[in-house]
């Protein structure tokens, strides 16, 4: 009979009349429960459009019959949070870092906030937990290029290192000794510095050059050949096994040290004053100081 759908011989299901490579398409309707759910969802969406903000207009958007605004809700929650922590926020704004550190509740609050700020602003360079990376100092040890007490850390954070964003940035640069020293002299002093870090220094030309050219900044004397560094000049200690231009836990070779003496690298750090609030810099100061190496 014309118009009667063909039935599949195997399943007994009507077909749509479509066939590809001998495979016939069955006419299988959606389950009724699924269709009903679909209709309910359509009705729900219409109701949602009416109740909540939904459609853009030429000058704004439809606000919905209840006038809900996620931004207004967020502002209300933020205002509530500020009210709850108003005493601590005021304390951070009014007190210096030493006074904050002397108040356990306020100090814990500051460190918690500093941990969040550190993840947002510092981790890309100094790594999680201040583990450091090649060219970026580790903040979890007690070797500090510019000093590790609270006021010094705050100063460094505020004004940066060799930053063009602050006139009060920390600034010093190691000379290019390759401009006036022979390569043999550079290798000799590099060997001496390497031995200093390993506790195997030897008297000789390398020691003489170090005392003549390097000790004024990195500090050392011939009788006690251990370089403690000079935070006032940003001259790192050379008598430990902490190397700025080596991966954390690794050491620099004599050739690496010679390259730094010959044509030194100078790392930079942005000034965070102006980017962050004073209270946020104080939070970061206490957090960095608490990482394990604060002085």
C-alpha atoms as a PDB file:
ATOM      1  CA  UNK A   1       0.000   0.000   0.000  1.00  0.00           C
ATOM      2  CA  UNK A   2       1.346   3.434  -0.892  1.00  0.00           C
ATOM      3  CA  UNK A   3       2.541   5.405   2.131  1.00  0.00           C
ATOM      4  CA  UNK A   4       2.945   2.359   4.371  1.00  0.00           C
ATOM      5  CA  UNK A   5       6.435   2.453   5.889  1.00  0.00           C
ATOM      6  CA  UNK A   6       8.642  -0.520   5.263  1.00  0.00           C
ATOM      7  CA  UNK A   7       9.457  -2.660   8.277  1.00  0.00           C
ATOM      8  CA  UNK A   8      12.886  -4.038   9.000  1.00  0.00           C
ATOM      9  CA  UNK A   9      12.849  -7.826   8.694  1.00  0.00           C
ATOM     10  CA  UNK A  10      15.141  -8.386  11.688  1.00  0.00           C
ATOM     11  CA  UNK A  11      13.915  -5.864  14.268  1.00  0.00           C
ATOM     12  CA  UNK A  12      10.373  -5.401  13.011  1.00  0.00           C
ATOM     13  CA  UNK A  13      10.880  -1.642  13.390  1.00  0.00           C
ATOM     14  CA  UNK A  14       9.576   0.752  10.716  1.00  0.00           C
ATOM     15  CA  UNK A  15      12.255   2.377   8.577  1.00  0.00           C
ATOM     16  CA  UNK A  16      12.612   5.949   7.353  1.00  0.00           C
ATOM     17  CA  UNK A  17      13.221   4.897   3.764  1.00  0.00           C
ATOM     18  CA  UNK A  18      16.882   5.895   3.948  1.00  0.00           C
ATOM     19  CA  UNK A  19      19.434   3.255   3.065  1.00  0.00           C
ATOM     20  CA  UNK A  20      23.243   3.338   2.763  1.00  0.00           C
ATOM     21  CA  UNK A  21      25.288   0.365   1.608  1.00  0.00           C
ATOM     22  CA  UNK A  22      22.443  -1.988   2.438  1.00  0.00           C
ATOM     23  CA  UNK A  23      21.980  -0.543   5.919  1.00  0.00           C
ATOM     24  CA  UNK A  24      18.454   0.787   6.521  1.00  0.00           C
ATOM     25  CA  UNK A  25      17.770   3.616   8.962  1.00  0.00           C
ATOM     26  CA  UNK A  26      15.191   2.672  11.566  1.00  0.00           C
ATOM     27  CA  UNK A  27      12.552   5.147  12.584  1.00  0.00           C
ATOM     28  CA  UNK A  28      13.076   5.028  16.340  1.00  0.00           C
ATOM     29  CA  UNK A  29      11.351   7.867  18.179  1.00  0.00           C
ATOM     30  CA  UNK A  30      12.829   9.385  21.326  1.00  0.00           C
ATOM     31  CA  UNK A  31      11.590   7.948  24.608  1.00  0.00           C
ATOM     32  CA  UNK A  32       8.532   9.825  25.857  1.00  0.00           C
ATOM     33  CA  UNK A  33      10.146  10.599  29.198  1.00  0.00           C
ATOM     34  CA  UNK A  34      13.040  12.298  27.387  1.00  0.00           C
ATOM     35  CA  UNK A  35      10.644  14.380  25.267  1.00  0.00           C
ATOM     36  CA  UNK A  36       8.719  15.476  28.368  1.00  0.00           C
ATOM     37  CA  UNK A  37      11.948  16.466  30.126  1.00  0.00           C
ATOM     38  CA  UNK A  38      12.961  18.434  27.050  1.00  0.00           C
ATOM     39  CA  UNK A  39       9.659  20.365  27.093  1.00  0.00           C
ATOM     40  CA  UNK A  40      10.030  21.058  30.807  1.00  0.00           C
ATOM     41  CA  UNK A  41      13.528  22.456  30.201  1.00  0.00           C
ATOM     42  CA  UNK A  42      12.144  24.778  27.541  1.00  0.00           C
ATOM     43  CA  UNK A  43       9.504  26.062  29.948  1.00  0.00           C
ATOM     44  CA  UNK A  44      12.126  26.414  32.676  1.00  0.00           C
ATOM     45  CA  UNK A  45      14.378  28.490  30.402  1.00  0.00           C
ATOM     46  CA  UNK A  46      11.504  30.830  29.535  1.00  0.00           C
ATOM     47  CA  UNK A  47      10.801  31.306  33.227  1.00  0.00           C
ATOM     48  CA  UNK A  48      14.513  31.906  33.872  1.00  0.00           C
ATOM     49  CA  UNK A  49      14.612  34.611  31.195  1.00  0.00           C
ATOM     50  CA  UNK A  50      11.717  36.372  32.912  1.00  0.00           C
ATOM     51  CA  UNK A  51      12.948  36.086  36.500  1.00  0.00           C
ATOM     52  CA  UNK A  52      16.710  36.715  36.062  1.00  0.00           C
ATOM     53  CA  UNK A  53      18.797  39.121  33.916  1.00  0.00           C
ATOM     54  CA  UNK A  54      19.089  37.479  30.526  1.00  0.00           C
ATOM     55  CA  UNK A  55      18.830  39.434  27.299  1.00  0.00           C
ATOM     56  CA  UNK A  56      21.094  42.278  26.112  1.00  0.00           C
ATOM     57  CA  UNK A  57      19.447  45.454  24.866  1.00  0.00           C
ATOM     58  CA  UNK A  58      20.709  48.506  23.014  1.00  0.00           C
ATOM     59  CA  UNK A  59      21.510  50.325  26.267  1.00  0.00           C
ATOM     60  CA  UNK A  60      21.864  47.528  28.804  1.00  0.00           C
ATOM     61  CA  UNK A  61      20.083  44.268  29.526  1.00  0.00           C
ATOM     62  CA  UNK A  62      16.828  42.906  30.893  1.00  0.00           C
ATOM     63  CA  UNK A  63      17.108  42.977  34.674  1.00  0.00           C
ATOM     64  CA  UNK A  64      14.498  40.305  35.428  1.00  0.00           C
ATOM     65  CA  UNK A  65      11.504  40.613  37.721  1.00  0.00           C
ATOM     66  CA  UNK A  66      13.545  40.018  40.909  1.00  0.00           C
ATOM     67  CA  UNK A  67      16.303  42.482  39.962  1.00  0.00           C
ATOM     68  CA  UNK A  68      19.117  40.047  40.830  1.00  0.00           C
ATOM     69  CA  UNK A  69      22.714  41.151  40.231  1.00  0.00           C
ATOM     70  CA  UNK A  70      25.741  38.913  40.846  1.00  0.00           C
ATOM     71  CA  UNK A  71      27.955  42.009  41.004  1.00  0.00           C
ATOM     72  CA  UNK A  72      25.797  43.556  43.710  1.00  0.00           C
ATOM     73  CA  UNK A  73      25.855  40.269  45.629  1.00  0.00           C
ATOM     74  CA  UNK A  74      29.656  40.162  45.359  1.00  0.00           C
ATOM     75  CA  UNK A  75      29.970  43.735  46.630  1.00  0.00           C
ATOM     76  CA  UNK A  76      27.717  42.866  49.565  1.00  0.00           C
ATOM     77  CA  UNK A  77      29.852  39.844  50.427  1.00  0.00           C
ATOM     78  CA  UNK A  78      33.071  41.872  50.114  1.00  0.00           C
ATOM     79  CA  UNK A  79      31.663  44.602  52.358  1.00  0.00           C
ATOM     80  CA  UNK A  80      30.701  41.960  54.902  1.00  0.00           C
ATOM     81  CA  UNK A  81      34.199  40.444  54.769  1.00  0.00           C
ATOM     82  CA  UNK A  82      35.805  43.870  55.197  1.00  0.00           C
ATOM     83  CA  UNK A  83      33.582  44.548  58.191  1.00  0.00           C
ATOM     84  CA  UNK A  84      34.468  41.197  59.748  1.00  0.00           C
ATOM     85  CA  UNK A  85      38.213  41.822  59.350  1.00  0.00           C
ATOM     86  CA  UNK A  86      38.135  45.589  59.821  1.00  0.00           C
ATOM     87  CA  UNK A  87      40.303  45.517  62.950  1.00  0.00           C
ATOM     88  CA  UNK A  88      43.004  43.464  61.233  1.00  0.00           C
ATOM     89  CA  UNK A  89      42.875  45.557  58.060  1.00  0.00           C
ATOM     90  CA  UNK A  90      43.257  48.695  60.166  1.00  0.00           C
ATOM     91  CA  UNK A  91      46.164  47.130  62.051  1.00  0.00           C
ATOM     92  CA  UNK A  92      47.984  46.296  58.809  1.00  0.00           C
ATOM     93  CA  UNK A  93      47.502  49.841  57.559  1.00  0.00           C
ATOM     94  CA  UNK A  94      48.637  51.566  60.747  1.00  0.00           C
ATOM     95  CA  UNK A  95      51.421  49.361  62.158  1.00  0.00           C
ATOM     96  CA  UNK A  96      54.930  48.660  60.924  1.00  0.00           C
ATOM     97  CA  UNK A  97      56.067  45.164  60.075  1.00  0.00           C
ATOM     98  CA  UNK A  98      57.890  44.695  63.378  1.00  0.00           C
ATOM     99  CA  UNK A  99      54.789  45.656  65.356  1.00  0.00           C
ATOM    100  CA  UNK A 100      52.634  43.374  63.219  1.00  0.00           C
ATOM    101  CA  UNK A 101      55.048  40.496  63.798  1.00  0.00           C
ATOM    102  CA  UNK A 102      54.784  41.031  67.564  1.00  0.00           C
ATOM    103  CA  UNK A 103      51.019  40.462  67.532  1.00  0.00           C
ATOM    104  CA  UNK A 104      50.386  36.726  66.917  1.00  0.00           C
ATOM    105  CA  UNK A 105      46.800  37.003  65.632  1.00  0.00           C
ATOM    106  CA  UNK A 106      47.588  39.877  63.295  1.00  0.00           C
ATOM    107  CA  UNK A 107      50.828  38.246  62.153  1.00  0.00           C
ATOM    108  CA  UNK A 108      49.045  34.993  61.294  1.00  0.00           C
ATOM    109  CA  UNK A 109      46.413  36.944  59.378  1.00  0.00           C
ATOM    110  CA  UNK A 110      49.139  38.809  57.475  1.00  0.00           C
ATOM    111  CA  UNK A 111      51.029  35.624  56.592  1.00  0.00           C
ATOM    112  CA  UNK A 112      47.837  33.975  55.323  1.00  0.00           C
ATOM    113  CA  UNK A 113      47.157  36.951  53.076  1.00  0.00           C
ATOM    114  CA  UNK A 114      50.812  37.066  52.046  1.00  0.00           C
ATOM    115  CA  UNK A 115      50.669  33.411  50.960  1.00  0.00           C
ATOM    116  CA  UNK A 116      47.844  34.251  48.544  1.00  0.00           C
ATOM    117  CA  UNK A 117      49.641  37.342  47.242  1.00  0.00           C
ATOM    118  CA  UNK A 118      52.844  35.336  46.795  1.00  0.00           C
ATOM    119  CA  UNK A 119      51.072  32.771  44.619  1.00  0.00           C
ATOM    120  CA  UNK A 120      49.526  35.528  42.505  1.00  0.00           C
ATOM    121  CA  UNK A 121      52.613  37.707  42.038  1.00  0.00           C
ATOM    122  CA  UNK A 122      55.862  35.957  43.018  1.00  0.00           C
ATOM    123  CA  UNK A 123      55.591  32.253  42.207  1.00  0.00           C
ATOM    124  CA  UNK A 124      56.276  32.696  38.450  1.00  0.00           C
ATOM    125  CA  UNK A 125      59.855  33.722  39.311  1.00  0.00           C
ATOM    126  CA  UNK A 126      60.615  32.459  42.818  1.00  0.00           C
ATOM    127  CA  UNK A 127      58.593  29.251  42.456  1.00  0.00           C
ATOM    128  CA  UNK A 128      56.181  27.712  44.948  1.00  0.00           C
ATOM    129  CA  UNK A 129      57.288  28.093  48.540  1.00  0.00           C
ATOM    130  CA  UNK A 130      60.152  30.343  47.441  1.00  0.00           C
ATOM    131  CA  UNK A 131      62.144  27.391  46.070  1.00  0.00           C
ATOM    132  CA  UNK A 132      63.913  29.635  43.554  1.00  0.00           C
ATOM    133  CA  UNK A 133      65.084  28.995  40.009  1.00  0.00           C
ATOM    134  CA  UNK A 134      68.033  29.814  37.763  1.00  0.00           C
ATOM    135  CA  UNK A 135      68.589  33.551  38.169  1.00  0.00           C
ATOM    136  CA  UNK A 136      65.871  33.883  40.835  1.00  0.00           C
ATOM    137  CA  UNK A 137      66.985  33.605  44.479  1.00  0.00           C
ATOM    138  CA  UNK A 138      65.667  30.938  46.795  1.00  0.00           C
ATOM    139  CA  UNK A 139      63.660  32.604  49.570  1.00  0.00           C
ATOM    140  CA  UNK A 140      63.455  29.553  51.813  1.00  0.00           C
ATOM    141  CA  UNK A 141      67.106  29.491  52.892  1.00  0.00           C
ATOM    142  CA  UNK A 142      69.158  31.897  55.013  1.00  0.00           C
ATOM    143  CA  UNK A 143      71.343  33.251  52.216  1.00  0.00           C
ATOM    144  CA  UNK A 144      70.172  36.779  51.428  1.00  0.00           C
ATOM    145  CA  UNK A 145      71.743  39.004  48.793  1.00  0.00           C
ATOM    146  CA  UNK A 146      70.210  42.205  50.162  1.00  0.00           C
ATOM    147  CA  UNK A 147      69.428  41.117  53.722  1.00  0.00           C
ATOM    148  CA  UNK A 148      66.585  39.099  55.200  1.00  0.00           C
ATOM    149  CA  UNK A 149      65.200  41.044  58.179  1.00  0.00           C
ATOM    150  CA  UNK A 150      61.637  42.346  58.029  1.00  0.00           C
ATOM    151  CA  UNK A 151      62.447  45.972  57.196  1.00  0.00           C
ATOM    152  CA  UNK A 152      64.940  44.967  54.507  1.00  0.00           C
ATOM    153  CA  UNK A 153      62.517  42.564  52.826  1.00  0.00           C
ATOM    154  CA  UNK A 154      59.848  45.280  52.872  1.00  0.00           C
ATOM    155  CA  UNK A 155      62.291  47.725  51.273  1.00  0.00           C
ATOM    156  CA  UNK A 156      63.211  45.223  48.570  1.00  0.00           C
ATOM    157  CA  UNK A 157      59.584  44.440  47.797  1.00  0.00           C
ATOM    158  CA  UNK A 158      58.595  48.085  47.686  1.00  0.00           C
ATOM    159  CA  UNK A 159      61.404  49.391  45.465  1.00  0.00           C
ATOM    160  CA  UNK A 160      62.668  46.290  43.674  1.00  0.00           C
ATOM    161  CA  UNK A 161      66.124  45.419  42.407  1.00  0.00           C
ATOM    162  CA  UNK A 162      67.533  47.448  39.499  1.00  0.00           C
ATOM    163  CA  UNK A 163      63.961  48.431  38.685  1.00  0.00           C
ATOM    164  CA  UNK A 164      63.138  51.369  36.469  1.00  0.00           C
ATOM    165  CA  UNK A 165      59.841  51.765  38.350  1.00  0.00           C
ATOM    166  CA  UNK A 166      61.320  53.304  41.506  1.00  0.00           C
ATOM    167  CA  UNK A 167      63.965  55.946  42.088  1.00  0.00           C
ATOM    168  CA  UNK A 168      64.808  54.233  45.392  1.00  0.00           C
ATOM    169  CA  UNK A 169      65.394  50.798  43.882  1.00  0.00           C
ATOM    170  CA  UNK A 170      68.296  48.728  45.160  1.00  0.00           C
ATOM    171  CA  UNK A 171      71.083  49.192  42.669  1.00  0.00           C
ATOM    172  CA  UNK A 172      74.605  47.834  42.359  1.00  0.00           C
ATOM    173  CA  UNK A 173      76.404  46.106  39.541  1.00  0.00           C
ATOM    174  CA  UNK A 174      79.420  43.849  39.497  1.00  0.00           C
ATOM    175  CA  UNK A 175      82.148  45.200  37.175  1.00  0.00           C
ATOM    176  CA  UNK A 176      83.049  43.444  33.938  1.00  0.00           C
ATOM    177  CA  UNK A 177      86.425  42.122  35.023  1.00  0.00           C
ATOM    178  CA  UNK A 178      86.991  40.833  31.515  1.00  0.00           C
ATOM    179  CA  UNK A 179      87.658  44.439  30.500  1.00  0.00           C
ATOM    180  CA  UNK A 180      90.840  44.698  32.570  1.00  0.00           C
ATOM    181  CA  UNK A 181      91.870  41.209  33.691  1.00  0.00           C
ATOM    182  CA  UNK A 182      93.618  38.517  31.713  1.00  0.00           C
ATOM    183  CA  UNK A 183      91.779  35.258  31.107  1.00  0.00           C
ATOM    184  CA  UNK A 184      94.333  33.342  33.181  1.00  0.00           C
ATOM    185  CA  UNK A 185      93.682  35.667  36.130  1.00  0.00           C
ATOM    186  CA  UNK A 186      89.929  35.216  35.779  1.00  0.00           C
ATOM    187  CA  UNK A 187      90.280  31.437  35.749  1.00  0.00           C
ATOM    188  CA  UNK A 188      92.554  31.590  38.799  1.00  0.00           C
ATOM    189  CA  UNK A 189      90.104  33.641  40.853  1.00  0.00           C
ATOM    190  CA  UNK A 190      87.203  31.474  39.649  1.00  0.00           C
ATOM    191  CA  UNK A 191      89.048  28.395  40.863  1.00  0.00           C
ATOM    192  CA  UNK A 192      89.636  30.109  44.204  1.00  0.00           C
ATOM    193  CA  UNK A 193      85.933  31.000  44.573  1.00  0.00           C
ATOM    194  CA  UNK A 194      84.963  27.442  43.701  1.00  0.00           C
ATOM    195  CA  UNK A 195      87.319  26.136  46.355  1.00  0.00           C
ATOM    196  CA  UNK A 196      85.988  28.678  48.842  1.00  0.00           C
ATOM    197  CA  UNK A 197      82.473  27.263  48.464  1.00  0.00           C
ATOM    198  CA  UNK A 198      83.773  23.729  48.928  1.00  0.00           C
ATOM    199  CA  UNK A 199      86.122  24.507  51.828  1.00  0.00           C
ATOM    200  CA  UNK A 200      89.223  23.623  49.799  1.00  0.00           C
ATOM    201  CA  UNK A 201      90.786  27.042  49.164  1.00  0.00           C
ATOM    202  CA  UNK A 202      94.459  27.199  48.307  1.00  0.00           C
ATOM    203  CA  UNK A 203      96.851  30.067  48.633  1.00  0.00           C
ATOM    204  CA  UNK A 204      98.223  31.403  45.408  1.00  0.00           C
ATOM    205  CA  UNK A 205      97.490  33.831  42.612  1.00  0.00           C
ATOM    206  CA  UNK A 206      93.704  33.225  42.786  1.00  0.00           C
ATOM    207  CA  UNK A 207      93.606  34.235  46.435  1.00  0.00           C
ATOM    208  CA  UNK A 208      95.721  37.316  45.753  1.00  0.00           C
ATOM    209  CA  UNK A 209      93.387  38.453  42.974  1.00  0.00           C
ATOM    210  CA  UNK A 210      90.316  37.805  45.122  1.00  0.00           C
ATOM    211  CA  UNK A 211      91.685  39.910  47.978  1.00  0.00           C
ATOM    212  CA  UNK A 212      92.684  42.682  45.566  1.00  0.00           C
ATOM    213  CA  UNK A 213      89.566  42.794  43.401  1.00  0.00           C
ATOM    214  CA  UNK A 214      86.664  40.998  45.103  1.00  0.00           C
ATOM    215  CA  UNK A 215      86.976  41.063  48.897  1.00  0.00           C
ATOM    216  CA  UNK A 216      85.976  44.738  49.165  1.00  0.00           C
ATOM    217  CA  UNK A 217      82.410  43.798  48.143  1.00  0.00           C
ATOM    218  CA  UNK A 218      82.069  40.109  48.915  1.00  0.00           C
ATOM    219  CA  UNK A 219      84.074  40.446  52.178  1.00  0.00           C
ATOM    220  CA  UNK A 220      86.877  38.118  53.162  1.00  0.00           C
ATOM    221  CA  UNK A 221      90.356  38.247  54.577  1.00  0.00           C
ATOM    222  CA  UNK A 222      93.336  36.106  53.877  1.00  0.00           C
ATOM    223  CA  UNK A 223      93.399  34.537  57.343  1.00  0.00           C
ATOM    224  CA  UNK A 224      89.758  33.443  57.177  1.00  0.00           C
ATOM    225  CA  UNK A 225      88.906  32.929  53.516  1.00  0.00           C
ATOM    226  CA  UNK A 226      85.115  32.778  53.846  1.00  0.00           C
ATOM    227  CA  UNK A 227      83.029  35.293  51.902  1.00  0.00           C
ATOM    228  CA  UNK A 228      79.970  36.319  53.913  1.00  0.00           C
ATOM    229  CA  UNK A 229      78.790  38.831  51.328  1.00  0.00           C
ATOM    230  CA  UNK A 230      77.688  42.413  51.859  1.00  0.00           C
ATOM    231  CA  UNK A 231      73.919  43.050  51.827  1.00  0.00           C
ATOM    232  CA  UNK A 232      74.509  46.806  51.716  1.00  0.00           C
ATOM    233  CA  UNK A 233      76.008  46.358  48.252  1.00  0.00           C
ATOM    234  CA  UNK A 234      73.960  43.376  47.134  1.00  0.00           C
ATOM    235  CA  UNK A 235      77.153  41.333  46.959  1.00  0.00           C
ATOM    236  CA  UNK A 236      76.244  37.684  47.660  1.00  0.00           C
ATOM    237  CA  UNK A 237      78.185  35.415  49.966  1.00  0.00           C
ATOM    238  CA  UNK A 238      80.603  33.173  48.080  1.00  0.00           C
ATOM    239  CA  UNK A 239      81.569  30.910  50.955  1.00  0.00           C
ATOM    240  CA  UNK A 240      78.384  28.841  50.896  1.00  0.00           C
ATOM    241  CA  UNK A 241      77.043  26.501  48.233  1.00  0.00           C
ATOM    242  CA  UNK A 242      74.125  28.692  47.179  1.00  0.00           C
ATOM    243  CA  UNK A 243      74.434  29.856  43.582  1.00  0.00           C
ATOM    244  CA  UNK A 244      72.124  32.362  41.931  1.00  0.00           C
ATOM    245  CA  UNK A 245      72.981  31.316  38.380  1.00  0.00           C
ATOM    246  CA  UNK A 246      72.588  27.593  38.884  1.00  0.00           C
ATOM    247  CA  UNK A 247      69.482  25.484  39.341  1.00  0.00           C
ATOM    248  CA  UNK A 248      68.480  25.073  43.019  1.00  0.00           C
ATOM    249  CA  UNK A 249      70.616  22.388  44.609  1.00  0.00           C
ATOM    250  CA  UNK A 250      73.175  22.548  41.791  1.00  0.00           C
ATOM    251  CA  UNK A 251      76.585  24.230  41.752  1.00  0.00           C
ATOM    252  CA  UNK A 252      78.387  26.416  39.262  1.00  0.00           C
ATOM    253  CA  UNK A 253      81.469  25.036  37.569  1.00  0.00           C
ATOM    254  CA  UNK A 254      84.762  26.923  37.429  1.00  0.00           C
ATOM    255  CA  UNK A 255      83.929  27.857  33.833  1.00  0.00           C
ATOM    256  CA  UNK A 256      80.498  29.181  34.902  1.00  0.00           C
ATOM    257  CA  UNK A 257      82.069  31.274  37.655  1.00  0.00           C
ATOM    258  CA  UNK A 258      84.709  32.577  35.237  1.00  0.00           C
ATOM    259  CA  UNK A 259      81.950  33.609  32.807  1.00  0.00           C
ATOM    260  CA  UNK A 260      80.205  35.546  35.567  1.00  0.00           C
ATOM    261  CA  UNK A 261      83.461  37.268  36.544  1.00  0.00           C
ATOM    262  CA  UNK A 262      84.264  38.066  32.934  1.00  0.00           C
ATOM    263  CA  UNK A 263      80.840  39.427  31.935  1.00  0.00           C
ATOM    264  CA  UNK A 264      78.414  39.307  34.888  1.00  0.00           C
ATOM    265  CA  UNK A 265      74.667  38.875  34.646  1.00  0.00           C
ATOM    266  CA  UNK A 266      72.546  41.376  36.610  1.00  0.00           C
ATOM    267  CA  UNK A 267      69.118  40.197  37.628  1.00  0.00           C
ATOM    268  CA  UNK A 268      66.201  42.579  38.109  1.00  0.00           C
ATOM    269  CA  UNK A 269      63.071  42.568  40.215  1.00  0.00           C
ATOM    270  CA  UNK A 270      60.120  44.924  39.703  1.00  0.00           C
ATOM    271  CA  UNK A 271      59.176  47.464  42.345  1.00  0.00           C
ATOM    272  CA  UNK A 272      55.871  46.356  43.865  1.00  0.00           C
ATOM    273  CA  UNK A 273      55.181  49.678  45.569  1.00  0.00           C
ATOM    274  CA  UNK A 274      52.367  51.282  43.600  1.00  0.00           C
ATOM    275  CA  UNK A 275      51.306  47.932  42.180  1.00  0.00           C
ATOM    276  CA  UNK A 276      50.304  46.576  45.558  1.00  0.00           C
ATOM    277  CA  UNK A 277      48.859  48.360  48.573  1.00  0.00           C
ATOM    278  CA  UNK A 278      51.172  49.093  51.497  1.00  0.00           C
ATOM    279  CA  UNK A 279      49.215  46.601  53.618  1.00  0.00           C
ATOM    280  CA  UNK A 280      49.669  43.943  50.925  1.00  0.00           C
ATOM    281  CA  UNK A 281      53.428  44.529  50.834  1.00  0.00           C
ATOM    282  CA  UNK A 282      53.483  44.095  54.610  1.00  0.00           C
ATOM    283  CA  UNK A 283      51.610  40.801  54.217  1.00  0.00           C
ATOM    284  CA  UNK A 284      54.135  39.629  51.629  1.00  0.00           C
ATOM    285  CA  UNK A 285      57.003  40.753  53.871  1.00  0.00           C
ATOM    286  CA  UNK A 286      55.856  38.618  56.774  1.00  0.00           C
ATOM    287  CA  UNK A 287      55.127  35.648  54.534  1.00  0.00           C
ATOM    288  CA  UNK A 288      58.525  35.735  52.794  1.00  0.00           C
ATOM    289  CA  UNK A 289      60.224  36.185  56.175  1.00  0.00           C
ATOM    290  CA  UNK A 290      58.413  33.074  57.441  1.00  0.00           C
ATOM    291  CA  UNK A 291      59.512  30.813  54.577  1.00  0.00           C
ATOM    292  CA  UNK A 292      62.459  29.611  56.577  1.00  0.00           C
ATOM    293  CA  UNK A 293      65.341  31.973  56.028  1.00  0.00           C
ATOM    294  CA  UNK A 294      64.210  35.244  57.608  1.00  0.00           C
ATOM    295  CA  UNK A 295      66.870  36.967  59.683  1.00  0.00           C
END
